[in-house]
Amino acid sequence: MRLLFLLLWRNNFTIFFLLLQVISIIMLVRSNRYQQATAFNATNRFVTQTTGAVNNAREFISLRDENARLAEENAKLRARLNESAYLRDTLTIRINDTIRHQQYEYMPARVVNNSVNRRNNYLTLNRGSIDGIRPEMGVISTNGVVGIVHRVSDNYCTVISLLNEKTSVSAMISRNRFFGSVRWDGKSPGRVTLYEIDKTVPVRKGDSVVTTAYSALFPSGIFMGKVDHIAIEPGSPFYKLGIRLATDFSNLSRVYIVKNLYKDEQRILEEKNEMKEDQP
């Protein structure tokens, strides 16, 4: 307190001058309508700008929570789509009744690490075994396929990116439903190649390429990209189709992990068939 008093005493003339200035300005504004209007407009502008800045700051602070809420909502909406249901046809004598059973669940996740400039790229997501994540679950974005869950810890999982030479995803041409395998050639992060489409199949640039349900990783119909290059290798019965990806892997922040509720049942049945064929 003593130091504050000494500071005020040493600067008493400056403080007194400033006080007189404030009183002068107040008297000037009160005695002049033009000055009153100018001061009011300036004050109003300052308050408006300050309020706007405060509101923008509040919206920015709450943006993360809002994005998380929207991701949760999108996951619920995706689960209601037709391609997320297992369609079972129940035949009776009189009717053909289709009963929808949910087959795919979606869990929103945030990308915490990502690479696009290697030959074998991976992502890391903030979901793990605590959240029910297991290896070999599909991962998609709002634009298309991202990759396949590889390793899982309690709170994180790594994903083999579609931009990885080890990744192969079953895909088909949406217009005619002829299917093949999509793989990356290790070059452009915006393009992959669709193989095993027979040369007798009518294909044109601009055809949409979507996932099939054959791998049990993704629902059928998840958009991947469009055909932008058609090549025929000499001596091969298949096309080599260049696909321009819809997903921008250099700008991924939010994704969805896909859980196929019937995957284990399908896998066990298929393994039994393979074991029976291997027996002499």
Foldseek 3Di string as FASTA:
>chain_A
DVVVVVVCVVCVVVVVVVVVVVVVLVVVLVVDVVSVVVVVVVVVVVVVVVVVVVVVVVCVVCVVVVVQVVQVVVQVVVQPDPLQWDWDWDDDPPDTDTDTHGFKGKDKWWWPDWDQQFQWIKTKTQAFVCNVDDWQAWKAAPFFGFFTWHDGDHGMTMGGGLSYQVDWFWKAFVVPGQIAIWHAPSDDSFKIKGKDAFPVDDDDWFTWMWGDCVSVRDGTPTTFFTFDDWADDPPDRMIITMGGGRDDRVDGTMMITMDGNCVVVVVVVVVVVVVVVPDD
